[in-house]
Protein backbone atom coordinates (compact mmCIF):
# COMPACT_ATOMS: atom_id res chain seq x y z
CA MET A 1 -21.94 -198.83 16.12
CA GLN A 2 -19.87 -196.63 18.28
CA ILE A 3 -16.10 -196.42 17.66
CA VAL A 4 -13.08 -195.92 20.08
CA PHE A 5 -9.49 -194.86 19.43
CA ALA A 6 -6.81 -196.71 20.74
CA PRO A 7 -3.43 -195.84 19.21
CA GLU A 8 -1.58 -197.80 21.73
CA TYR A 9 -3.17 -201.19 20.85
CA SER A 10 -0.94 -203.77 19.33
CA GLU A 11 -2.46 -207.29 19.84
CA GLY A 12 -4.16 -209.52 22.07
CA GLU A 13 -7.72 -210.56 23.18
CA SER A 14 -8.47 -208.01 25.63
CA PHE A 15 -7.97 -204.26 25.97
CA THR A 16 -8.25 -201.60 28.45
CA LEU A 17 -9.32 -198.08 27.13
CA SER A 18 -7.72 -194.58 28.06
CA LYS A 19 -9.47 -192.69 30.71
CA GLU A 20 -10.80 -190.19 27.99
CA GLU A 21 -12.16 -193.08 25.64
CA SER A 22 -13.73 -195.01 28.98
CA SER A 23 -15.60 -191.84 30.11
CA HIS A 24 -16.97 -191.10 26.73
CA ILE A 25 -18.18 -194.64 26.22
CA VAL A 26 -19.54 -195.02 29.80
CA ARG A 27 -20.48 -191.58 31.03
CA VAL A 28 -21.43 -189.92 27.78
CA LEU A 29 -23.07 -192.76 25.54
CA ARG A 30 -23.98 -194.56 28.83
CA MET A 31 -22.98 -198.11 27.30
CA ARG A 32 -22.99 -201.04 29.44
CA GLU A 33 -21.47 -204.58 29.90
CA GLY A 34 -22.25 -206.89 26.80
CA GLU A 35 -22.81 -203.98 24.34
CA GLU A 36 -20.35 -203.87 21.18
CA VAL A 37 -18.13 -201.15 20.01
CA LEU A 38 -15.58 -200.86 17.11
CA LEU A 39 -12.08 -200.19 18.19
CA THR A 40 -9.37 -198.70 15.82
CA ASP A 41 -5.65 -197.84 16.34
CA GLY A 42 -5.77 -195.20 13.54
CA ARG A 43 -3.20 -197.39 11.48
CA GLY A 44 -5.67 -199.44 9.60
CA GLN A 45 -6.90 -201.99 12.11
CA MET A 46 -10.36 -202.21 13.18
CA PHE A 47 -11.97 -204.59 15.68
CA CYS A 48 -15.41 -205.46 16.88
CA CYS A 49 -15.20 -205.52 20.81
CA GLU A 50 -17.42 -206.63 23.71
CA ILE A 51 -17.47 -204.19 26.59
CA VAL A 52 -16.71 -206.60 29.81
CA ASP A 53 -16.34 -203.81 32.42
CA ALA A 54 -18.01 -200.45 32.01
CA ASN A 55 -15.83 -198.68 34.10
CA PRO A 56 -15.58 -194.99 33.48
CA ASN A 57 -11.94 -194.60 34.13
CA ARG A 58 -10.62 -197.90 32.81
CA CYS A 59 -13.19 -199.49 30.44
CA SER A 60 -12.31 -203.29 29.54
CA LEU A 61 -12.81 -204.76 26.26
CA ASN A 62 -12.75 -208.21 24.63
CA ILE A 63 -11.58 -208.24 21.16
CA LYS A 64 -13.98 -210.60 19.23
CA SER A 65 -13.13 -210.24 15.58
CA ALA A 66 -11.58 -208.15 13.00
CA TYR A 67 -13.88 -205.66 11.47
CA PRO A 68 -13.58 -205.24 7.19
CA ASN A 69 -11.24 -202.34 6.69
CA SER A 70 -13.35 -199.96 4.36
CA ASP A 71 -10.99 -197.11 3.86
CA GLU A 72 -7.84 -198.80 2.50
CA ARG A 73 -6.50 -197.13 -0.67
CA ASN A 74 -4.17 -197.66 -3.35
CA PHE A 75 -3.30 -194.01 -3.63
CA TYR A 76 -1.69 -191.52 -1.20
CA ILE A 77 -2.80 -187.70 -0.48
CA HIS A 78 -0.70 -185.40 1.22
CA LEU A 79 -2.43 -181.99 1.75
CA ALA A 80 -0.09 -179.18 2.76
CA VAL A 81 -1.66 -175.92 3.62
CA ALA A 82 -1.12 -172.58 5.09
CA PRO A 83 -3.46 -172.19 8.04
CA THR A 84 -6.13 -169.33 7.75
CA LYS A 85 -6.10 -166.36 10.05
CA ASN A 86 -9.53 -167.51 11.40
CA ILE A 87 -8.47 -170.88 12.82
CA ALA A 88 -12.13 -172.30 12.67
CA ARG A 89 -11.84 -172.31 8.93
CA ILE A 90 -8.58 -174.45 8.92
CA GLU A 91 -10.26 -176.82 11.52
CA TRP A 92 -13.34 -177.20 9.18
CA LEU A 93 -10.93 -178.23 6.44
CA LEU A 94 -9.02 -180.79 8.59
CA GLU A 95 -12.38 -182.38 9.68
CA LYS A 96 -13.83 -182.63 6.22
CA VAL A 97 -10.59 -183.97 4.50
CA THR A 98 -10.35 -186.56 7.12
CA GLU A 99 -13.65 -187.81 6.77
CA MET A 100 -13.29 -187.87 2.80
CA GLY A 101 -9.88 -189.72 3.30
CA VAL A 102 -6.40 -188.02 3.39
CA ASP A 103 -3.04 -189.74 4.61
CA GLU A 104 -0.94 -186.77 5.61
CA ILE A 105 -1.40 -183.09 6.51
CA THR A 106 1.38 -180.61 6.91
CA PRO A 107 0.68 -177.02 7.94
CA LEU A 108 2.90 -174.37 5.99
CA LEU A 109 4.13 -171.19 7.29
CA CYS A 110 4.79 -169.07 4.29
CA GLU A 111 6.12 -165.47 3.43
CA HIS A 112 2.39 -164.20 3.38
CA SER A 113 1.08 -166.10 6.19
CA GLU A 114 -1.17 -164.37 8.71
CA ARG A 115 -1.32 -167.21 11.21
CA LYS A 116 2.12 -168.32 12.42
CA THR A 117 1.24 -170.35 15.43
CA LEU A 118 -0.84 -173.71 15.94
CA ASN A 119 -2.45 -175.73 18.81
CA SER A 120 -1.33 -179.09 17.39
CA GLU A 121 -2.87 -180.99 20.20
CA ARG A 122 -6.37 -179.42 19.41
CA LEU A 123 -5.87 -180.28 15.73
CA ASP A 124 -5.03 -183.82 16.45
CA LYS A 125 -8.15 -184.25 18.37
CA ILE A 126 -10.24 -182.58 15.53
CA LEU A 127 -8.64 -185.33 13.39
CA VAL A 128 -9.57 -188.10 15.81
CA SER A 129 -13.12 -187.01 16.00
CA ALA A 130 -13.63 -186.97 12.30
CA MET A 131 -11.87 -190.38 11.83
CA LYS A 132 -14.34 -191.94 14.51
CA GLN A 133 -17.34 -190.18 13.13
CA SER A 134 -16.71 -191.20 9.55
CA LEU A 135 -15.79 -194.96 10.85
CA LYS A 136 -12.39 -194.82 9.21
CA SER A 137 -9.40 -196.90 10.55
CA TYR A 138 -6.76 -194.44 9.50
CA LYS A 139 -6.02 -191.35 11.17
CA PRO A 140 -4.03 -188.81 8.85
CA LYS A 141 -0.25 -188.10 9.93
CA LEU A 142 -0.29 -184.63 11.19
CA ASN A 143 3.02 -182.86 10.82
CA PRO A 144 3.97 -179.79 12.86
CA LEU A 145 4.07 -176.36 11.33
CA THR A 146 6.76 -176.13 8.69
CA LYS A 147 8.36 -173.38 6.90
CA LEU A 148 7.66 -173.79 3.02
CA LYS A 149 11.31 -173.05 2.35
CA ASP A 150 12.14 -176.03 4.22
CA PHE A 151 9.43 -178.42 3.32
CA LEU A 152 9.74 -177.94 -0.63
CA PRO A 153 13.14 -179.67 -1.11
CA LYS A 154 11.90 -182.75 1.01
CA ALA A 155 8.77 -183.51 -0.86
CA LYS A 156 9.16 -187.06 -2.22
CA GLU A 157 5.63 -187.73 -3.69
CA GLN A 158 5.20 -188.84 -7.40
CA ILE A 159 2.92 -186.06 -8.32
CA LYS A 160 3.64 -182.55 -6.69
CA LEU A 161 1.18 -179.68 -7.23
CA LEU A 162 0.78 -176.11 -5.99
CA ALA A 163 -2.59 -174.31 -6.30
CA TYR A 164 -1.80 -170.85 -7.63
CA CYS A 165 -3.74 -167.73 -8.69
CA GLY A 166 -0.73 -166.32 -10.70
CA GLN A 167 0.22 -166.01 -14.41
CA GLU A 168 2.14 -169.32 -14.73
CA GLU A 169 0.99 -172.14 -16.87
CA LYS A 170 -1.46 -174.24 -14.72
CA TYR A 171 -3.15 -177.44 -15.28
CA LEU A 172 -6.39 -179.10 -14.11
CA ILE A 173 -5.98 -182.23 -11.64
CA LYS A 174 -7.87 -184.46 -14.21
CA ASP A 175 -5.15 -183.66 -16.99
CA ILE A 176 -2.02 -184.10 -15.00
CA CYS A 177 -2.81 -186.66 -12.31
CA ALA A 178 -2.67 -190.40 -13.00
CA PRO A 179 -4.75 -192.84 -10.76
CA LYS A 180 -3.10 -195.02 -8.03
CA SER A 181 -0.24 -192.61 -7.32
CA SER A 182 1.06 -190.61 -4.43
CA TYR A 183 -0.03 -186.86 -4.50
CA LEU A 184 1.15 -183.71 -2.80
CA VAL A 185 -1.24 -180.74 -2.77
CA LEU A 186 0.06 -177.26 -1.71
CA ILE A 187 -2.63 -174.60 -0.86
CA GLY A 188 -1.19 -171.09 0.01
CA PRO A 189 -2.19 -168.48 2.45
CA GLU A 190 -4.79 -165.91 1.88
CA GLY A 191 -2.29 -163.54 0.40
CA ASP A 192 -1.15 -166.53 -2.07
CA PHE A 193 2.42 -167.68 -2.43
CA SER A 194 5.08 -164.93 -3.25
CA GLN A 195 6.82 -165.09 -6.21
CA LYS A 196 10.15 -166.46 -4.53
CA GLU A 197 8.20 -169.25 -3.34
CA ILE A 198 6.92 -169.80 -6.71
CA GLU A 199 10.26 -170.12 -8.07
CA LEU A 200 11.52 -172.32 -5.30
CA ALA A 201 8.54 -174.60 -6.00
CA LYS A 202 9.35 -174.79 -9.67
CA ASP A 203 12.90 -175.55 -8.95
CA ASN A 204 11.66 -178.53 -6.78
CA GLY A 205 9.55 -180.10 -9.53
CA PHE A 206 6.20 -178.65 -8.55
CA ARG A 207 3.55 -178.25 -11.31
CA PHE A 208 1.03 -175.46 -10.95
CA LEU A 209 -2.69 -176.14 -10.37
CA THR A 210 -5.93 -174.38 -11.32
CA LEU A 211 -8.95 -175.26 -9.68
CA GLY A 212 -11.19 -173.41 -12.18
CA PRO A 213 -12.00 -169.82 -13.10
CA GLN A 214 -13.40 -168.88 -9.55
CA ARG A 215 -11.05 -167.77 -6.63
CA LEU A 216 -11.57 -170.19 -3.90
CA ARG A 217 -10.88 -169.58 -0.12
CA THR A 218 -8.12 -171.63 1.21
CA GLU A 219 -10.34 -174.28 2.79
CA THR A 220 -12.44 -174.67 0.06
CA ALA A 221 -9.50 -175.06 -2.43
CA GLY A 222 -8.17 -177.68 0.00
CA LEU A 223 -11.45 -179.54 -0.08
CA PHE A 224 -12.01 -179.18 -3.64
CA ALA A 225 -8.49 -180.71 -4.66
CA VAL A 226 -8.70 -183.73 -2.17
CA ALA A 227 -12.32 -184.51 -3.53
CA ASN A 228 -10.81 -184.37 -7.16
CA LEU A 229 -8.03 -186.78 -6.27
CA HIS A 230 -10.63 -189.13 -4.98
CA PHE A 231 -12.75 -188.78 -7.99
CA ILE A 232 -9.92 -189.73 -10.42
CA ASN A 233 -9.24 -192.96 -8.21
CA GLN A 234 -12.63 -194.00 -8.43
């Protein structure tokens, strides 16, 4: 079944989609009155709906019933990652972790960062598309690009991890992450974190993470970490 995103939906038996979603449903998918779609607000609600007016500018729906929420979790994943110079790689990462299931994403600006600007609107559209493709009812919260030195002291998750290639004592996710917790994983830029940033992370209660003997690219490391957190919570 097709899914539409309506972040402005709150309650009621009928709803009119945005012009963008209306055009996609009517012009692209060629759906008509009487057909059913799923509607999600991106905050955990999902409903089965019937199209009652297939208008490409303002498609109207009747809310028929609540749809079972299949992606509710008893753990929380916050991925903070320094965007790659090649923006396509970070876009791929955000798409895949959204499909897998992640709650919050913070792009980081580090001392060794090669990319210092982001198109947040484009990234948010990628999150919406991935949420819809994987039939999820939660869209990850996307934070603005944030300086690492400002981000570290504000981290409140129960388990705070930083993936690092240096000589600090490091741990595997399975050895230090208890299930049903809130996790924050930091993935650095292609030049890795600076020594000053490592010391600051240590001062703010972060533990250092190894993702194995191989050296992984930024987007691979991020996906690998998120997959491992899902695995320990199965």
